[in-house]
Amino acid sequence: MTFRSSARETAGPTRQHKLRRYRRFPIDARVAVFRSGQPRPYQGRSLGISEAGISALLALELEVGECVSLKLTLPGSAHRLEVRALVRNRSGARYGFEFLTLSEQQRSAITEFCDAQAE
């Protein structure tokens, strides 16, 4: 009996992976999520970051397409990032956020963090 690998196993990176514009890097930091009309933030943990967005584990229900504010401190940095983000996807308690507006300073801090992780 001969076993063949499926095309999926031998094809290498998935099409979605090839289409990404920015590399993702693991990050473990606390994330505060602020929803419109809510006085207190929800707390979660970040999982991965790129220059375009961040993923996080959260114990709350957000809708894909919802706009939120995120606050976090990048490991090794003293500056707290406060950014607007769009919920792009969700899988269980894991959310993917796209950064909407980044100041030049915020973009620089994220780029520096990602560059350091790539080394």
N, C-alpha and C. Protein backbone atom coordinates (compact mmCIF):
# COMPACT_ATOMS: atom_id res chain seq x y z
N MET A 1 0.85 -1.17 0.00
CA MET A 1 0.00 0.00 0.00
C MET A 1 0.89 1.23 0.00
N THR A 2 0.60 2.19 -0.85
CA THR A 2 1.37 3.42 -0.96
C THR A 2 0.56 4.57 -0.39
N PHE A 3 1.21 5.37 0.44
CA PHE A 3 0.57 6.54 1.00
C PHE A 3 1.08 7.76 0.27
N ARG A 4 0.18 8.62 -0.10
CA ARG A 4 0.55 9.85 -0.77
C ARG A 4 0.25 11.03 0.13
N SER A 5 1.11 12.00 0.07
CA SER A 5 0.85 13.24 0.79
C SER A 5 -0.20 14.02 0.03
N SER A 6 -1.04 14.67 0.75
CA SER A 6 -2.02 15.51 0.07
C SER A 6 -1.32 16.75 -0.47
N ALA A 7 -1.92 17.38 -1.45
CA ALA A 7 -1.36 18.60 -2.02
C ALA A 7 -1.23 19.68 -0.96
N ARG A 8 -2.15 19.65 -0.03
CA ARG A 8 -2.12 20.64 1.04
C ARG A 8 -0.87 20.51 1.91
N GLU A 9 -0.44 19.27 2.17
CA GLU A 9 0.72 19.04 3.00
C GLU A 9 2.03 19.41 2.30
N THR A 10 2.05 19.28 0.98
CA THR A 10 3.30 19.50 0.25
C THR A 10 3.37 20.86 -0.43
N ALA A 11 2.31 21.61 -0.38
CA ALA A 11 2.26 22.87 -1.12
C ALA A 11 3.04 24.00 -0.45
N GLY A 12 3.42 23.86 0.80
CA GLY A 12 4.13 24.93 1.49
C GLY A 12 3.16 25.91 2.11
N PRO A 13 3.56 27.17 2.22
CA PRO A 13 2.70 28.17 2.87
C PRO A 13 1.36 28.29 2.15
N THR A 14 0.34 28.56 2.93
CA THR A 14 -0.99 28.71 2.35
C THR A 14 -1.08 29.99 1.55
N ARG A 15 -2.08 30.06 0.70
CA ARG A 15 -2.29 31.25 -0.12
C ARG A 15 -2.48 32.48 0.76
N GLN A 16 -3.24 32.31 1.84
CA GLN A 16 -3.48 33.44 2.75
C GLN A 16 -2.16 33.93 3.33
N HIS A 17 -1.28 33.00 3.73
CA HIS A 17 0.01 33.40 4.29
C HIS A 17 0.82 34.18 3.27
N LYS A 18 0.80 33.77 2.02
CA LYS A 18 1.57 34.45 0.98
C LYS A 18 1.04 35.85 0.70
N LEU A 19 -0.25 36.07 0.95
CA LEU A 19 -0.87 37.36 0.65
C LEU A 19 -0.66 38.40 1.74
N ARG A 20 -0.14 38.02 2.87
CA ARG A 20 0.06 38.98 3.96
C ARG A 20 1.09 40.02 3.57
N ARG A 21 0.79 41.26 3.88
CA ARG A 21 1.73 42.35 3.57
C ARG A 21 2.79 42.52 4.65
N TYR A 22 2.46 42.14 5.88
CA TYR A 22 3.37 42.32 7.00
C TYR A 22 3.56 41.01 7.75
N ARG A 23 4.78 40.77 8.18
CA ARG A 23 5.06 39.59 8.99
C ARG A 23 4.44 39.78 10.37
N ARG A 24 4.02 38.67 10.96
CA ARG A 24 3.47 38.68 12.31
C ARG A 24 4.51 38.17 13.29
N PHE A 25 4.46 38.71 14.50
CA PHE A 25 5.41 38.32 15.53
C PHE A 25 4.66 38.06 16.83
N PRO A 26 5.08 37.05 17.58
CA PRO A 26 4.41 36.80 18.87
C PRO A 26 4.65 37.95 19.84
N ILE A 27 3.66 38.20 20.65
CA ILE A 27 3.75 39.24 21.67
C ILE A 27 2.86 38.81 22.84
N ASP A 28 3.37 39.00 24.02
CA ASP A 28 2.59 38.68 25.22
C ASP A 28 2.52 39.95 26.06
N ALA A 29 1.41 40.63 25.96
CA ALA A 29 1.22 41.88 26.69
C ALA A 29 -0.26 42.01 27.05
N ARG A 30 -0.53 42.72 28.13
CA ARG A 30 -1.92 43.00 28.48
C ARG A 30 -2.49 44.02 27.51
N VAL A 31 -3.74 43.81 27.16
CA VAL A 31 -4.44 44.73 26.25
C VAL A 31 -5.74 45.16 26.93
N ALA A 32 -5.97 46.46 26.95
CA ALA A 32 -7.24 47.00 27.45
C ALA A 32 -8.07 47.38 26.23
N VAL A 33 -9.31 46.91 26.19
CA VAL A 33 -10.20 47.17 25.07
C VAL A 33 -11.34 48.08 25.55
N PHE A 34 -11.47 49.21 24.90
CA PHE A 34 -12.52 50.16 25.24
C PHE A 34 -13.56 50.17 24.14
N ARG A 35 -14.81 49.93 24.53
CA ARG A 35 -15.93 49.99 23.59
C ARG A 35 -16.67 51.31 23.79
N SER A 36 -17.25 51.78 22.73
CA SER A 36 -18.03 53.00 22.80
C SER A 36 -19.16 52.84 23.81
N GLY A 37 -19.30 53.82 24.70
CA GLY A 37 -20.37 53.80 25.68
C GLY A 37 -20.09 52.97 26.92
N GLN A 38 -18.95 52.30 26.98
CA GLN A 38 -18.60 51.50 28.16
C GLN A 38 -17.61 52.29 29.02
N PRO A 39 -17.89 52.46 30.30
CA PRO A 39 -17.01 53.28 31.15
C PRO A 39 -15.69 52.62 31.50
N ARG A 40 -15.66 51.28 31.55
CA ARG A 40 -14.43 50.59 31.94
C ARG A 40 -13.96 49.68 30.81
N PRO A 41 -12.65 49.48 30.73
CA PRO A 41 -12.14 48.61 29.66
C PRO A 41 -12.28 47.13 30.01
N TYR A 42 -12.22 46.33 28.98
CA TYR A 42 -12.13 44.88 29.12
C TYR A 42 -10.66 44.53 28.98
N GLN A 43 -10.19 43.57 29.78
CA GLN A 43 -8.79 43.20 29.75
C GLN A 43 -8.60 41.91 28.96
N GLY A 44 -7.49 41.82 28.24
CA GLY A 44 -7.15 40.62 27.49
C GLY A 44 -5.65 40.49 27.35
N ARG A 45 -5.20 39.50 26.57
CA ARG A 45 -3.78 39.26 26.32
C ARG A 45 -3.55 39.27 24.82
N SER A 46 -2.49 39.95 24.43
CA SER A 46 -2.13 39.96 23.01
C SER A 46 -1.44 38.65 22.66
N LEU A 47 -1.56 38.27 21.40
CA LEU A 47 -0.96 37.02 20.92
C LEU A 47 0.08 37.27 19.83
N GLY A 48 -0.24 38.16 18.92
CA GLY A 48 0.64 38.44 17.80
C GLY A 48 0.46 39.86 17.33
N ILE A 49 1.50 40.41 16.69
CA ILE A 49 1.43 41.78 16.21
C ILE A 49 2.13 41.89 14.87
N SER A 50 1.66 42.82 14.06
CA SER A 50 2.33 43.20 12.82
C SER A 50 2.23 44.71 12.73
N GLU A 51 2.78 45.27 11.69
CA GLU A 51 2.69 46.72 11.51
C GLU A 51 1.27 47.16 11.17
N ALA A 52 0.42 46.20 10.83
CA ALA A 52 -0.95 46.54 10.44
C ALA A 52 -1.99 46.24 11.50
N GLY A 53 -1.65 45.38 12.48
CA GLY A 53 -2.67 45.03 13.46
C GLY A 53 -2.15 44.12 14.55
N ILE A 54 -3.08 43.63 15.35
CA ILE A 54 -2.74 42.81 16.51
C ILE A 54 -3.83 41.77 16.72
N SER A 55 -3.46 40.63 17.29
CA SER A 55 -4.45 39.63 17.68
C SER A 55 -4.42 39.51 19.20
N ALA A 56 -5.56 39.17 19.77
CA ALA A 56 -5.67 39.10 21.22
C ALA A 56 -6.73 38.11 21.65
N LEU A 57 -6.55 37.57 22.83
CA LEU A 57 -7.55 36.72 23.48
C LEU A 57 -8.36 37.60 24.42
N LEU A 58 -9.68 37.56 24.25
CA LEU A 58 -10.56 38.41 25.05
C LEU A 58 -11.77 37.63 25.51
N ALA A 59 -12.21 37.87 26.73
CA ALA A 59 -13.40 37.23 27.26
C ALA A 59 -14.58 38.19 27.15
N LEU A 60 -14.91 38.55 25.90
CA LEU A 60 -16.07 39.39 25.65
C LEU A 60 -16.54 39.15 24.22
N GLU A 61 -17.69 39.64 23.91
CA GLU A 61 -18.27 39.47 22.58
C GLU A 61 -18.14 40.76 21.79
N LEU A 62 -17.31 40.73 20.77
CA LEU A 62 -17.19 41.85 19.84
C LEU A 62 -17.69 41.40 18.48
N GLU A 63 -18.22 42.33 17.73
CA GLU A 63 -18.70 42.03 16.38
C GLU A 63 -17.62 42.36 15.36
N VAL A 64 -17.49 41.51 14.35
CA VAL A 64 -16.59 41.83 13.25
C VAL A 64 -17.09 43.13 12.63
N GLY A 65 -16.20 44.07 12.42
CA GLY A 65 -16.56 45.38 11.90
C GLY A 65 -16.70 46.44 12.98
N GLU A 66 -16.69 46.03 14.23
CA GLU A 66 -16.80 46.97 15.34
C GLU A 66 -15.49 47.74 15.52
N CYS A 67 -15.62 49.00 15.86
CA CYS A 67 -14.46 49.87 16.09
C CYS A 67 -14.26 50.01 17.60
N VAL A 68 -13.03 49.80 18.06
CA VAL A 68 -12.71 49.89 19.49
C VAL A 68 -11.42 50.69 19.67
N SER A 69 -11.13 51.01 20.91
CA SER A 69 -9.84 51.61 21.26
C SER A 69 -9.05 50.55 22.03
N LEU A 70 -7.77 50.44 21.72
CA LEU A 70 -6.90 49.50 22.39
C LEU A 70 -5.79 50.26 23.11
N LYS A 71 -5.45 49.80 24.30
CA LYS A 71 -4.32 50.35 25.03
C LYS A 71 -3.42 49.18 25.40
N LEU A 72 -2.12 49.33 25.11
CA LEU A 72 -1.15 48.31 25.46
C LEU A 72 0.23 48.92 25.52
N THR A 73 1.12 48.23 26.20
CA THR A 73 2.52 48.62 26.25
C THR A 73 3.32 47.51 25.60
N LEU A 74 4.10 47.86 24.59
CA LEU A 74 4.94 46.86 23.92
C LEU A 74 6.03 46.41 24.89
N PRO A 75 6.33 45.11 24.93
CA PRO A 75 7.42 44.63 25.79
C PRO A 75 8.72 45.38 25.49
N GLY A 76 9.39 45.81 26.53
CA GLY A 76 10.64 46.53 26.38
C GLY A 76 10.48 48.01 26.10
N SER A 77 9.25 48.49 26.13
CA SER A 77 8.99 49.90 25.86
C SER A 77 8.32 50.55 27.06
N ALA A 78 8.59 51.81 27.26
CA ALA A 78 7.96 52.54 28.36
C ALA A 78 6.72 53.28 27.88
N HIS A 79 6.52 53.36 26.57
CA HIS A 79 5.40 54.12 26.02
C HIS A 79 4.16 53.24 25.86
N ARG A 80 3.06 53.75 26.34
CA ARG A 80 1.78 53.05 26.21
C ARG A 80 1.14 53.47 24.89
N LEU A 81 0.75 52.48 24.10
CA LEU A 81 0.07 52.76 22.84
C LEU A 81 -1.43 52.84 23.07
N GLU A 82 -2.05 53.85 22.52
CA GLU A 82 -3.50 54.00 22.53
C GLU A 82 -3.91 54.18 21.09
N VAL A 83 -4.58 53.16 20.53
CA VAL A 83 -4.90 53.17 19.10
C VAL A 83 -6.36 52.79 18.86
N ARG A 84 -6.90 53.31 17.78
CA ARG A 84 -8.22 52.88 17.31
C ARG A 84 -7.99 51.67 16.42
N ALA A 85 -8.89 50.70 16.53
CA ALA A 85 -8.74 49.47 15.75
C ALA A 85 -10.11 48.93 15.34
N LEU A 86 -10.10 48.20 14.25
CA LEU A 86 -11.29 47.58 13.70
C LEU A 86 -11.21 46.08 13.92
N VAL A 87 -12.28 45.47 14.41
CA VAL A 87 -12.32 44.01 14.56
C VAL A 87 -12.44 43.43 13.15
N ARG A 88 -11.40 42.74 12.70
CA ARG A 88 -11.37 42.17 11.35
C ARG A 88 -11.85 40.74 11.32
N ASN A 89 -11.54 39.98 12.38
CA ASN A 89 -11.97 38.58 12.39
C ASN A 89 -12.04 38.08 13.82
N ARG A 90 -12.67 36.93 13.95
CA ARG A 90 -12.83 36.32 15.25
C ARG A 90 -12.89 34.81 15.10
N SER A 91 -12.23 34.13 16.02
CA SER A 91 -12.30 32.67 16.10
C SER A 91 -12.36 32.34 17.59
N GLY A 92 -13.56 32.06 18.07
CA GLY A 92 -13.74 31.84 19.51
C GLY A 92 -13.42 33.11 20.27
N ALA A 93 -12.47 33.02 21.20
CA ALA A 93 -12.08 34.17 22.01
C ALA A 93 -10.90 34.93 21.40
N ARG A 94 -10.44 34.48 20.23
CA ARG A 94 -9.30 35.12 19.57
C ARG A 94 -9.82 36.12 18.54
N TYR A 95 -9.35 37.36 18.67
CA TYR A 95 -9.78 38.44 17.78
C TYR A 95 -8.58 38.98 17.00
N GLY A 96 -8.83 39.36 15.77
CA GLY A 96 -7.83 40.04 14.96
C GLY A 96 -8.27 41.48 14.74
N PHE A 97 -7.39 42.42 15.06
CA PHE A 97 -7.69 43.84 14.94
C PHE A 97 -6.78 44.49 13.90
N GLU A 98 -7.34 45.38 13.12
CA GLU A 98 -6.56 46.19 12.19
C GLU A 98 -6.43 47.59 12.79
N PHE A 99 -5.18 48.08 12.85
CA PHE A 99 -4.97 49.44 13.34
C PHE A 99 -5.58 50.40 12.33
N LEU A 100 -6.33 51.39 12.83
CA LEU A 100 -6.96 52.37 11.94
C LEU A 100 -6.15 53.65 11.81
N THR A 101 -5.80 54.22 12.91
CA THR A 101 -5.05 55.47 12.87
C THR A 101 -3.86 55.35 13.80
N LEU A 102 -2.69 55.46 13.24
CA LEU A 102 -1.47 55.43 14.04
C LEU A 102 -0.72 56.74 13.82
N SER A 103 -0.27 57.32 14.90
CA SER A 103 0.59 58.49 14.75
C SER A 103 1.94 58.00 14.25
N GLU A 104 2.76 58.91 13.82
CA GLU A 104 4.10 58.54 13.35
C GLU A 104 4.89 57.89 14.48
N GLN A 105 4.73 58.40 15.70
CA GLN A 105 5.42 57.84 16.86
C GLN A 105 4.94 56.41 17.15
N GLN A 106 3.63 56.17 17.08
CA GLN A 106 3.08 54.84 17.32
C GLN A 106 3.57 53.86 16.24
N ARG A 107 3.50 54.28 14.99
CA ARG A 107 3.94 53.43 13.88
C ARG A 107 5.42 53.08 14.05
N SER A 108 6.22 54.05 14.43
CA SER A 108 7.64 53.83 14.64
C SER A 108 7.89 52.83 15.77
N ALA A 109 7.17 52.95 16.87
CA ALA A 109 7.33 52.03 18.00
C ALA A 109 6.97 50.61 17.61
N ILE A 110 5.89 50.45 16.86
CA ILE A 110 5.47 49.11 16.42
C ILE A 110 6.48 48.54 15.43
N THR A 111 6.94 49.37 14.50
CA THR A 111 7.92 48.90 13.52
C THR A 111 9.22 48.49 14.21
N GLU A 112 9.68 49.28 15.17
CA GLU A 112 10.90 48.95 15.91
C GLU A 112 10.74 47.63 16.66
N PHE A 113 9.58 47.42 17.29
CA PHE A 113 9.32 46.17 18.01
C PHE A 113 9.36 45.00 17.05
N CYS A 114 8.68 45.11 15.91
CA CYS A 114 8.64 44.03 14.93
C CYS A 114 10.04 43.75 14.35
N ASP A 115 10.78 44.80 14.07
CA ASP A 115 12.14 44.63 13.56
C ASP A 115 13.02 43.89 14.57
N ALA A 116 12.88 44.23 15.84
CA ALA A 116 13.67 43.56 16.88
C ALA A 116 13.30 42.08 16.98
N GLN A 117 12.03 41.75 16.76
CA GLN A 117 11.60 40.36 16.82
C GLN A 117 12.11 39.56 15.63
N ALA A 118 12.32 40.22 14.51
CA ALA A 118 12.76 39.56 13.29
C ALA A 118 14.24 39.17 13.35
N GLU A 119 15.00 39.80 14.23
CA GLU A 119 16.44 39.54 14.32
C GLU A 119 16.74 38.21 14.95
